[in-house]
């Protein structure tokens, strides 16, 4: 993959207003993001600088964003949530689950 990439996996705490910084790199601007919600029964609400609206990632799904993102936080989880984020500062090639597994 051309450019730089960033990988983060972790756990977001349950509840409104829980903020988990999942990029955290001040010099990193992601051109595309892959957000994976690994839990079977919860929603993740994600907010990021450069997003027009919050993104809701349904249980056991992958959400791909293309744009320019410098921050990304999970602001709400309906329960303790396992997540994975893959980010790239290059728009090509497209990120996919094969980049994570």
PDB file of N, CA and C in Angstrom:
ATOM      1  N   UNK A   1       0.835  -1.163   0.000  1.00  0.00           N
ATOM      2  CA  UNK A   1       0.000   0.000   0.000  1.00  0.00           C
ATOM      3  C   UNK A   1       0.890   1.239   0.000  1.00  0.00           C
ATOM      4  N   UNK A   2       0.612   2.159  -0.893  1.00  0.00           N
ATOM      5  CA  UNK A   2       1.387   3.393  -0.972  1.00  0.00           C
ATOM      6  C   UNK A   2       1.050   4.294   0.203  1.00  0.00           C
ATOM      7  N   UNK A   3       1.971   5.149   0.575  1.00  0.00           N
ATOM      8  CA  UNK A   3       1.720   6.096   1.651  1.00  0.00           C
ATOM      9  C   UNK A   3       1.867   5.468   3.018  1.00  0.00           C
ATOM     10  N   UNK A   4       1.392   6.179   4.011  1.00  0.00           N
ATOM     11  CA  UNK A   4       1.448   5.720   5.385  1.00  0.00           C
ATOM     12  C   UNK A   4       0.097   5.148   5.793  1.00  0.00           C
ATOM     13  N   UNK A   5       0.131   4.207   6.711  1.00  0.00           N
ATOM     14  CA  UNK A   5      -1.116   3.655   7.209  1.00  0.00           C
ATOM     15  C   UNK A   5      -1.089   3.644   8.725  1.00  0.00           C
ATOM     16  N   UNK A   6      -2.255   3.529   9.310  1.00  0.00           N
ATOM     17  CA  UNK A   6      -2.422   3.541  10.751  1.00  0.00           C
ATOM     18  C   UNK A   6      -3.409   2.454  11.096  1.00  0.00           C
ATOM     19  N   UNK A   7      -3.104   1.677  12.114  1.00  0.00           N
ATOM     20  CA  UNK A   7      -3.967   0.583  12.535  1.00  0.00           C
ATOM     21  C   UNK A   7      -4.175   0.702  14.033  1.00  0.00           C
ATOM     22  N   UNK A   8      -5.410   0.573  14.464  1.00  0.00           N
ATOM     23  CA  UNK A   8      -5.709   0.636  15.892  1.00  0.00           C
ATOM     24  C   UNK A   8      -6.844  -0.321  16.197  1.00  0.00           C
ATOM     25  N   UNK A   9      -6.693  -1.120  17.227  1.00  0.00           N
ATOM     26  CA  UNK A   9      -7.800  -1.924  17.723  1.00  0.00           C
ATOM     27  C   UNK A   9      -7.922  -1.651  19.208  1.00  0.00           C
ATOM     28  N   UNK A  10      -9.109  -1.791  19.744  1.00  0.00           N
ATOM     29  CA  UNK A  10      -9.278  -1.511  21.160  1.00  0.00           C
ATOM     30  C   UNK A  10     -10.703  -1.677  21.608  1.00  0.00           C
ATOM     31  N   UNK A  11     -10.976  -1.113  22.781  1.00  0.00           N
ATOM     32  CA  UNK A  11     -12.290  -1.209  23.398  1.00  0.00           C
ATOM     33  C   UNK A  11     -12.782   0.186  23.740  1.00  0.00           C
ATOM     34  N   UNK A  12     -14.010   0.494  23.343  1.00  0.00           N
ATOM     35  CA  UNK A  12     -14.652   1.746  23.726  1.00  0.00           C
ATOM     36  C   UNK A  12     -15.581   1.447  24.888  1.00  0.00           C
ATOM     37  N   UNK A  13     -15.581   2.311  25.887  1.00  0.00           N
ATOM     38  CA  UNK A  13     -16.469   2.127  27.030  1.00  0.00           C
ATOM     39  C   UNK A  13     -17.905   2.455  26.636  1.00  0.00           C
ATOM     40  N   UNK A  14     -18.843   1.891  27.357  1.00  0.00           N
ATOM     41  CA  UNK A  14     -20.260   2.125  27.088  1.00  0.00           C
ATOM     42  C   UNK A  14     -20.675   3.504  27.579  1.00  0.00           C
ATOM     43  N   UNK A  15     -21.673   4.068  26.935  1.00  0.00           N
ATOM     44  CA  UNK A  15     -22.286   5.283  27.445  1.00  0.00           C
ATOM     45  C   UNK A  15     -22.131   6.477  26.533  1.00  0.00           C
ATOM     46  N   UNK A  16     -22.997   7.464  26.756  1.00  0.00           N
ATOM     47  CA  UNK A  16     -22.954   8.704  25.992  1.00  0.00           C
ATOM     48  C   UNK A  16     -21.724   9.513  26.357  1.00  0.00           C
ATOM     49  N   UNK A  17     -21.144  10.157  25.387  1.00  0.00           N
ATOM     50  CA  UNK A  17     -20.044  11.068  25.642  1.00  0.00           C
ATOM     51  C   UNK A  17     -18.699  10.415  25.878  1.00  0.00           C
ATOM     52  N   UNK A  18     -18.637   9.099  25.787  1.00  0.00           N
ATOM     53  CA  UNK A  18     -17.353   8.428  25.917  1.00  0.00           C
ATOM     54  C   UNK A  18     -16.526   8.755  24.692  1.00  0.00           C
ATOM     55  N   UNK A  19     -15.372   9.340  24.884  1.00  0.00           N
ATOM     56  CA  UNK A  19     -14.532   9.725  23.768  1.00  0.00           C
ATOM     57  C   UNK A  19     -13.273   8.884  23.760  1.00  0.00           C
ATOM     58  N   UNK A  20     -13.082   8.149  22.703  1.00  0.00           N
ATOM     59  CA  UNK A  20     -11.897   7.317  22.548  1.00  0.00           C
ATOM     60  C   UNK A  20     -11.195   7.759  21.283  1.00  0.00           C
ATOM     61  N   UNK A  21     -10.053   8.404  21.435  1.00  0.00           N
ATOM     62  CA  UNK A  21      -9.300   8.878  20.276  1.00  0.00           C
ATOM     63  C   UNK A  21      -8.700   7.664  19.573  1.00  0.00           C
ATOM     64  N   UNK A  22      -9.059   7.445  18.318  1.00  0.00           N
ATOM     65  CA  UNK A  22      -8.580   6.245  17.634  1.00  0.00           C
ATOM     66  C   UNK A  22      -7.619   6.537  16.489  1.00  0.00           C
ATOM     67  N   UNK A  23      -7.318   7.795  16.248  1.00  0.00           N
ATOM     68  CA  UNK A  23      -6.221   8.115  15.332  1.00  0.00           C
ATOM     69  C   UNK A  23      -5.059   8.677  16.121  1.00  0.00           C
ATOM     70  N   UNK A  24      -5.299   9.773  16.818  1.00  0.00           N
ATOM     71  CA  UNK A  24      -4.340  10.289  17.767  1.00  0.00           C
ATOM     72  C   UNK A  24      -3.002  10.756  17.220  1.00  0.00           C
ATOM     73  N   UNK A  25      -2.825  10.748  15.936  1.00  0.00           N
ATOM     74  CA  UNK A  25      -1.561  11.171  15.351  1.00  0.00           C
ATOM     75  C   UNK A  25      -1.728  12.598  14.841  1.00  0.00           C
ATOM     76  N   UNK A  26      -1.099  13.560  15.503  1.00  0.00           N
ATOM     77  CA  UNK A  26      -1.266  14.958  15.139  1.00  0.00           C
ATOM     78  C   UNK A  26      -0.841  15.285  13.719  1.00  0.00           C
ATOM     79  N   UNK A  27       0.112  14.533  13.170  1.00  0.00           N
ATOM     80  CA  UNK A  27       0.612  14.813  11.829  1.00  0.00           C
ATOM     81  C   UNK A  27      -0.001  13.900  10.770  1.00  0.00           C
ATOM     82  N   UNK A  28      -0.975  13.098  11.153  1.00  0.00           N
ATOM     83  CA  UNK A  28      -1.542  12.114  10.246  1.00  0.00           C
ATOM     84  C   UNK A  28      -2.890  12.611   9.736  1.00  0.00           C
ATOM     85  N   UNK A  29      -3.027  12.743   8.427  1.00  0.00           N
ATOM     86  CA  UNK A  29      -4.310  13.054   7.808  1.00  0.00           C
ATOM     87  C   UNK A  29      -4.723  11.854   6.978  1.00  0.00           C
ATOM     88  N   UNK A  30      -5.816  11.227   7.377  1.00  0.00           N
ATOM     89  CA  UNK A  30      -6.291  10.041   6.673  1.00  0.00           C
ATOM     90  C   UNK A  30      -7.106  10.450   5.461  1.00  0.00           C
ATOM     91  N   UNK A  31      -6.827   9.835   4.337  1.00  0.00           N
ATOM     92  CA  UNK A  31      -7.616  10.040   3.120  1.00  0.00           C
ATOM     93  C   UNK A  31      -8.737   9.012   3.014  1.00  0.00           C
ATOM     94  N   UNK A  32      -8.594   7.914   3.734  1.00  0.00           N
ATOM     95  CA  UNK A  32      -9.652   6.909   3.795  1.00  0.00           C
ATOM     96  C   UNK A  32      -9.543   6.171   5.121  1.00  0.00           C
ATOM     97  N   UNK A  33     -10.710   5.772   5.619  1.00  0.00           N
ATOM     98  CA  UNK A  33     -10.809   5.076   6.895  1.00  0.00           C
ATOM     99  C   UNK A  33     -11.681   3.849   6.738  1.00  0.00           C
ATOM    100  N   UNK A  34     -11.333   2.809   7.447  1.00  0.00           N
ATOM    101  CA  UNK A  34     -12.147   1.612   7.542  1.00  0.00           C
ATOM    102  C   UNK A  34     -12.421   1.408   9.020  1.00  0.00           C
ATOM    103  N   UNK A  35     -13.678   1.503   9.431  1.00  0.00           N
ATOM    104  CA  UNK A  35     -14.066   1.341  10.827  1.00  0.00           C
ATOM    105  C   UNK A  35     -14.826   0.023  10.939  1.00  0.00           C
ATOM    106  N   UNK A  36     -14.373  -0.847  11.826  1.00  0.00           N
ATOM    107  CA  UNK A  36     -14.981  -2.171  11.978  1.00  0.00           C
ATOM    108  C   UNK A  36     -15.563  -2.277  13.383  1.00  0.00           C
ATOM    109  N   UNK A  37     -16.853  -2.553  13.468  1.00  0.00           N
ATOM    110  CA  UNK A  37     -17.522  -2.811  14.734  1.00  0.00           C
ATOM    111  C   UNK A  37     -17.538  -4.328  14.921  1.00  0.00           C
ATOM    112  N   UNK A  38     -16.763  -4.836  15.867  1.00  0.00           N
ATOM    113  CA  UNK A  38     -16.595  -6.274  16.035  1.00  0.00           C
ATOM    114  C   UNK A  38     -17.658  -6.919  16.907  1.00  0.00           C
ATOM    115  N   UNK A  39     -18.490  -6.140  17.559  1.00  0.00           N
ATOM    116  CA  UNK A  39     -19.480  -6.710  18.466  1.00  0.00           C
ATOM    117  C   UNK A  39     -20.783  -7.013  17.753  1.00  0.00           C
ATOM    118  N   UNK A  40     -21.508  -7.984  18.300  1.00  0.00           N
ATOM    119  CA  UNK A  40     -22.703  -8.485  17.634  1.00  0.00           C
ATOM    120  C   UNK A  40     -23.974  -7.733  18.023  1.00  0.00           C
ATOM    121  N   UNK A  41     -23.954  -6.961  19.104  1.00  0.00           N
ATOM    122  CA  UNK A  41     -25.215  -6.412  19.595  1.00  0.00           C
ATOM    123  C   UNK A  41     -25.114  -4.951  20.008  1.00  0.00           C
ATOM    124  N   UNK A  42     -24.290  -4.172  19.349  1.00  0.00           N
ATOM    125  CA  UNK A  42     -24.180  -2.779  19.751  1.00  0.00           C
ATOM    126  C   UNK A  42     -23.919  -1.881  18.564  1.00  0.00           C
ATOM    127  N   UNK A  43     -24.160  -0.596  18.783  1.00  0.00           N
ATOM    128  CA  UNK A  43     -23.870   0.429  17.787  1.00  0.00           C
ATOM    129  C   UNK A  43     -22.704   1.267  18.278  1.00  0.00           C
ATOM    130  N   UNK A  44     -21.884   1.745  17.359  1.00  0.00           N
ATOM    131  CA  UNK A  44     -20.855   2.731  17.658  1.00  0.00           C
ATOM    132  C   UNK A  44     -21.230   4.017  16.934  1.00  0.00           C
ATOM    133  N   UNK A  45     -21.156   5.143  17.608  1.00  0.00           N
ATOM    134  CA  UNK A  45     -21.339   6.434  16.975  1.00  0.00           C
ATOM    135  C   UNK A  45     -19.975   7.093  16.909  1.00  0.00           C
ATOM    136  N   UNK A  46     -19.566   7.466  15.704  1.00  0.00           N
ATOM    137  CA  UNK A  46     -18.224   7.983  15.466  1.00  0.00           C
ATOM    138  C   UNK A  46     -18.323   9.409  14.959  1.00  0.00           C
ATOM    139  N   UNK A  47     -17.451  10.279  15.491  1.00  0.00           N
ATOM    140  CA  UNK A  47     -17.392  11.676  15.063  1.00  0.00           C
ATOM    141  C   UNK A  47     -15.954  11.981  14.680  1.00  0.00           C
ATOM    142  N   UNK A  48     -15.791  12.763  13.643  1.00  0.00           N
ATOM    143  CA  UNK A  48     -14.438  13.121  13.241  1.00  0.00           C
ATOM    144  C   UNK A  48     -14.368  14.478  12.590  1.00  0.00           C
ATOM    145  N   UNK A  49     -13.218  15.108  12.726  1.00  0.00           N
ATOM    146  CA  UNK A  49     -12.979  16.377  12.065  1.00  0.00           C
ATOM    147  C   UNK A  49     -13.000  16.122  10.565  1.00  0.00           C
ATOM    148  N   UNK A  50     -13.823  16.831   9.843  1.00  0.00           N
ATOM    149  CA  UNK A  50     -13.972  16.626   8.421  1.00  0.00           C
ATOM    150  C   UNK A  50     -15.259  15.894   8.066  1.00  0.00           C
ATOM    151  N   UNK A  51     -15.960  15.359   9.064  1.00  0.00           N
ATOM    152  CA  UNK A  51     -17.242  14.690   8.803  1.00  0.00           C
ATOM    153  C   UNK A  51     -18.361  15.721   8.882  1.00  0.00           C
ATOM    154  N   UNK A  52     -19.352  15.581   8.019  1.00  0.00           N
ATOM    155  CA  UNK A  52     -20.519  16.455   8.082  1.00  0.00           C
ATOM    156  C   UNK A  52     -21.495  15.987   9.139  1.00  0.00           C
ATOM    157  N   UNK A  53     -21.607  14.682   9.299  1.00  0.00           N
ATOM    158  CA  UNK A  53     -22.507  14.091  10.281  1.00  0.00           C
ATOM    159  C   UNK A  53     -21.784  12.974  11.009  1.00  0.00           C
ATOM    160  N   UNK A  54     -22.280  12.644  12.199  1.00  0.00           N
ATOM    161  CA  UNK A  54     -21.750  11.488  12.894  1.00  0.00           C
ATOM    162  C   UNK A  54     -22.063  10.235  12.085  1.00  0.00           C
ATOM    163  N   UNK A  55     -21.206   9.246  12.222  1.00  0.00           N
ATOM    164  CA  UNK A  55     -21.381   7.975  11.522  1.00  0.00           C
ATOM    165  C   UNK A  55     -21.813   6.931  12.546  1.00  0.00           C
ATOM    166  N   UNK A  56     -22.855   6.193  12.231  1.00  0.00           N
ATOM    167  CA  UNK A  56     -23.285   5.100  13.100  1.00  0.00           C
ATOM    168  C   UNK A  56     -22.870   3.797  12.436  1.00  0.00           C
ATOM    169  N   UNK A  57     -22.061   3.028  13.155  1.00  0.00           N
ATOM    170  CA  UNK A  57     -21.563   1.753  12.631  1.00  0.00           C
ATOM    171  C   UNK A  57     -22.348   0.640  13.322  1.00  0.00           C
ATOM    172  N   UNK A  58     -23.138  -0.070  12.550  1.00  0.00           N
ATOM    173  CA  UNK A  58     -24.004  -1.125  13.076  1.00  0.00           C
ATOM    174  C   UNK A  58     -23.184  -2.325  13.555  1.00  0.00           C
ATOM    175  N   UNK A  59     -23.805  -3.210  14.339  1.00  0.00           N
ATOM    176  CA  UNK A  59     -23.113  -4.400  14.826  1.00  0.00           C
ATOM    177  C   UNK A  59     -22.545  -5.253  13.695  1.00  0.00           C
ATOM    178  N   UNK A  60     -21.331  -5.731  13.912  1.00  0.00           N
ATOM    179  CA  UNK A  60     -20.665  -6.659  12.985  1.00  0.00           C
ATOM    180  C   UNK A  60     -20.606  -6.122  11.559  1.00  0.00           C
ATOM    181  N   UNK A  61     -20.355  -4.821  11.421  1.00  0.00           N
ATOM    182  CA  UNK A  61     -20.255  -4.254  10.078  1.00  0.00           C
ATOM    183  C   UNK A  61     -18.971  -3.453   9.924  1.00  0.00           C
ATOM    184  N   UNK A  62     -18.696  -3.131   8.679  1.00  0.00           N
ATOM    185  CA  UNK A  62     -17.534  -2.333   8.297  1.00  0.00           C
ATOM    186  C   UNK A  62     -18.050  -1.066   7.630  1.00  0.00           C
ATOM    187  N   UNK A  63     -17.474   0.078   7.987  1.00  0.00           N
ATOM    188  CA  UNK A  63     -17.873   1.346   7.396  1.00  0.00           C
ATOM    189  C   UNK A  63     -16.636   1.977   6.779  1.00  0.00           C
ATOM    190  N   UNK A  64     -16.698   2.310   5.511  1.00  0.00           N
ATOM    191  CA  UNK A  64     -15.559   2.907   4.820  1.00  0.00           C
ATOM    192  C   UNK A  64     -15.859   4.363   4.522  1.00  0.00           C
ATOM    193  N   UNK A  65     -14.913   5.248   4.864  1.00  0.00           N
ATOM    194  CA  UNK A  65     -15.040   6.679   4.620  1.00  0.00           C
ATOM    195  C   UNK A  65     -13.885   7.148   3.758  1.00  0.00           C
ATOM    196  N   UNK A  66     -14.181   8.024   2.811  1.00  0.00           N
ATOM    197  CA  UNK A  66     -13.152   8.627   1.977  1.00  0.00           C
ATOM    198  C   UNK A  66     -13.265  10.134   2.153  1.00  0.00           C
ATOM    199  N   UNK A  67     -12.155  10.797   2.396  1.00  0.00           N
ATOM    200  CA  UNK A  67     -12.171  12.238   2.610  1.00  0.00           C
ATOM    201  C   UNK A  67     -10.845  12.693   3.176  1.00  0.00           C
ATOM    202  N   UNK A  68     -10.898  13.579   4.149  1.00  0.00           N
ATOM    203  CA  UNK A  68      -9.698  14.085   4.791  1.00  0.00           C
ATOM    204  C   UNK A  68      -9.983  14.205   6.283  1.00  0.00           C
ATOM    205  N   UNK A  69      -9.428  13.307   7.067  1.00  0.00           N
ATOM    206  CA  UNK A  69      -9.746  13.213   8.485  1.00  0.00           C
ATOM    207  C   UNK A  69      -8.473  13.325   9.313  1.00  0.00           C
ATOM    208  N   UNK A  70      -8.479  14.210  10.307  1.00  0.00           N
ATOM    209  CA  UNK A  70      -7.339  14.357  11.207  1.00  0.00           C
ATOM    210  C   UNK A  70      -7.668  13.852  12.603  1.00  0.00           C
ATOM    211  N   UNK A  71      -8.931  13.738  12.931  1.00  0.00           N
ATOM    212  CA  UNK A  71      -9.352  13.227  14.226  1.00  0.00           C
ATOM    213  C   UNK A  71     -10.514  12.283  14.013  1.00  0.00           C
ATOM    214  N   UNK A  72     -10.613  11.313  14.886  1.00  0.00           N
ATOM    215  CA  UNK A  72     -11.741  10.391  14.840  1.00  0.00           C
ATOM    216  C   UNK A  72     -11.931   9.856  16.242  1.00  0.00           C
ATOM    217  N   UNK A  73     -13.135   9.975  16.774  1.00  0.00           N
ATOM    218  CA  UNK A  73     -13.413   9.517  18.129  1.00  0.00           C
ATOM    219  C   UNK A  73     -14.715   8.742  18.152  1.00  0.00           C
ATOM    220  N   UNK A  74     -14.757   7.706  18.982  1.00  0.00           N
ATOM    221  CA  UNK A  74     -16.015   7.030  19.261  1.00  0.00           C
ATOM    222  C   UNK A  74     -16.666   7.829  20.377  1.00  0.00           C
ATOM    223  N   UNK A  75     -17.828   8.417  20.107  1.00  0.00           N
ATOM    224  CA  UNK A  75     -18.455   9.285  21.100  1.00  0.00           C
ATOM    225  C   UNK A  75     -19.575   8.577  21.839  1.00  0.00           C
ATOM    226  N   UNK A  76     -20.021   7.446  21.336  1.00  0.00           N
ATOM    227  CA  UNK A  76     -21.051   6.697  22.042  1.00  0.00           C
ATOM    228  C   UNK A  76     -20.963   5.230  21.644  1.00  0.00           C
ATOM    229  N   UNK A  77     -21.097   4.380  22.623  1.00  0.00           N
ATOM    230  CA  UNK A  77     -21.225   2.943  22.381  1.00  0.00           C
ATOM    231  C   UNK A  77     -22.385   2.455  23.235  1.00  0.00           C
ATOM    232  N   UNK A  78     -23.242   1.624  22.677  1.00  0.00           N
ATOM    233  CA  UNK A  78     -24.400   1.152  23.429  1.00  0.00           C
ATOM    234  C   UNK A  78     -24.016   0.093  24.457  1.00  0.00           C
ATOM    235  N   UNK A  79     -22.803  -0.410  24.376  1.00  0.00           N
ATOM    236  CA  UNK A  79     -22.233  -1.325  25.371  1.00  0.00           C
ATOM    237  C   UNK A  79     -20.729  -1.255  25.178  1.00  0.00           C
ATOM    238  N   UNK A  80     -19.974  -1.903  26.022  1.00  0.00           N
ATOM    239  CA  UNK A  80     -18.529  -1.946  25.813  1.00  0.00           C
ATOM    240  C   UNK A  80     -18.254  -2.559  24.455  1.00  0.00           C
ATOM    241  N   UNK A  81     -17.527  -1.858  23.619  1.00  0.00           N
ATOM    242  CA  UNK A  81     -17.430  -2.201  22.207  1.00  0.00           C
ATOM    243  C   UNK A  81     -16.001  -2.480  21.775  1.00  0.00           C
ATOM    244  N   UNK A  82     -15.819  -3.569  21.059  1.00  0.00           N
ATOM    245  CA  UNK A  82     -14.544  -3.861  20.423  1.00  0.00           C
ATOM    246  C   UNK A  82     -14.569  -3.262  19.016  1.00  0.00           C
ATOM    247  N   UNK A  83     -13.482  -2.584  18.633  1.00  0.00           N
ATOM    248  CA  UNK A  83     -13.445  -1.960  17.321  1.00  0.00           C
ATOM    249  C   UNK A  83     -12.058  -2.122  16.711  1.00  0.00           C
ATOM    250  N   UNK A  84     -12.002  -1.930  15.404  1.00  0.00           N
ATOM    251  CA  UNK A  84     -10.750  -1.865  14.655  1.00  0.00           C
ATOM    252  C   UNK A  84     -10.865  -0.689  13.704  1.00  0.00           C
ATOM    253  N   UNK A  85      -9.779   0.073  13.568  1.00  0.00           N
ATOM    254  CA  UNK A  85      -9.728   1.157  12.590  1.00  0.00           C
ATOM    255  C   UNK A  85      -8.460   1.005  11.769  1.00  0.00           C
ATOM    256  N   UNK A  86      -8.604   1.088  10.476  1.00  0.00           N
ATOM    257  CA  UNK A  86      -7.472   1.125   9.559  1.00  0.00           C
ATOM    258  C   UNK A  86      -7.598   2.428   8.796  1.00  0.00           C
ATOM    259  N   UNK A  87      -6.514   3.186   8.731  1.00  0.00           N
ATOM    260  CA  UNK A  87      -6.527   4.466   8.020  1.00  0.00           C
ATOM    261  C   UNK A  87      -5.324   4.521   7.090  1.00  0.00           C
ATOM    262  N   UNK A  88      -5.487   5.229   5.995  1.00  0.00           N
ATOM    263  CA  UNK A  88      -4.401   5.413   5.039  1.00  0.00           C
ATOM    264  C   UNK A  88      -4.371   6.867   4.598  1.00  0.00           C
ATOM    265  N   UNK A  89      -3.170   7.404   4.405  1.00  0.00           N
ATOM    266  CA  UNK A  89      -3.086   8.773   3.899  1.00  0.00           C
ATOM    267  C   UNK A  89      -3.042   8.800   2.379  1.00  0.00           C
ATOM    268  N   UNK A  90      -3.280   7.655   1.767  1.00  0.00           N
ATOM    269  CA  UNK A  90      -3.361   7.555   0.316  1.00  0.00           C
ATOM    270  C   UNK A  90      -4.775   7.139  -0.072  1.00  0.00           C
ATOM    271  N   UNK A  91      -5.298   7.714  -1.138  1.00  0.00           N
ATOM    272  CA  UNK A  91      -6.656   7.372  -1.572  1.00  0.00           C
ATOM    273  C   UNK A  91      -6.705   6.055  -2.334  1.00  0.00           C
ATOM    274  N   UNK A  92      -5.575   5.572  -2.800  1.00  0.00           N
ATOM    275  CA  UNK A  92      -5.541   4.303  -3.535  1.00  0.00           C
ATOM    276  C   UNK A  92      -4.372   3.463  -3.034  1.00  0.00           C
ATOM    277  N   UNK A  93      -4.501   2.166  -3.023  1.00  0.00           N
ATOM    278  CA  UNK A  93      -5.706   1.410  -3.343  1.00  0.00           C
ATOM    279  C   UNK A  93      -6.734   1.527  -2.231  1.00  0.00           C
ATOM    280  N   UNK A  94      -7.962   1.120  -2.522  1.00  0.00           N
ATOM    281  CA  UNK A  94      -9.029   1.189  -1.547  1.00  0.00           C
ATOM    282  C   UNK A  94      -8.750   0.231  -0.399  1.00  0.00           C
ATOM    283  N   UNK A  95      -9.001   0.701   0.820  1.00  0.00           N
ATOM    284  CA  UNK A  95      -8.874  -0.182   1.983  1.00  0.00           C
ATOM    285  C   UNK A  95      -9.997  -1.198   1.956  1.00  0.00           C
ATOM    286  N   UNK A  96      -9.682  -2.386   2.429  1.00  0.00           N
ATOM    287  CA  UNK A  96     -10.696  -3.436   2.534  1.00  0.00           C
ATOM    288  C   UNK A  96     -10.359  -4.307   3.728  1.00  0.00           C
ATOM    289  N   UNK A  97     -11.225  -5.240   4.035  1.00  0.00           N
ATOM    290  CA  UNK A  97     -10.981  -6.146   5.158  1.00  0.00           C
ATOM    291  C   UNK A  97      -9.711  -6.953   4.975  1.00  0.00           C
ATOM    292  N   UNK A  98      -9.275  -7.153   3.748  1.00  0.00           N
ATOM    293  CA  UNK A  98      -8.029  -7.906   3.541  1.00  0.00           C
ATOM    294  C   UNK A  98      -6.830  -7.146   4.083  1.00  0.00           C
ATOM    295  N   UNK A  99      -6.933  -5.814   4.251  1.00  0.00           N
ATOM    296  CA  UNK A  99      -5.859  -5.044   4.856  1.00  0.00           C
ATOM    297  C   UNK A  99      -5.783  -5.262   6.369  1.00  0.00           C
ATOM    298  N   UNK A 100      -6.872  -5.742   6.974  1.00  0.00           N
ATOM    299  CA  UNK A 100      -6.937  -5.926   8.420  1.00  0.00           C
ATOM    300  C   UNK A 100      -6.624  -7.361   8.802  1.00  0.00           C
ATOM    301  N   UNK A 101      -7.145  -8.300   8.065  1.00  0.00           N
ATOM    302  CA  UNK A 101      -6.977  -9.708   8.439  1.00  0.00           C
ATOM    303  C   UNK A 101      -5.665 -10.264   7.988  1.00  0.00           C
TER     304      UNK A 101
END
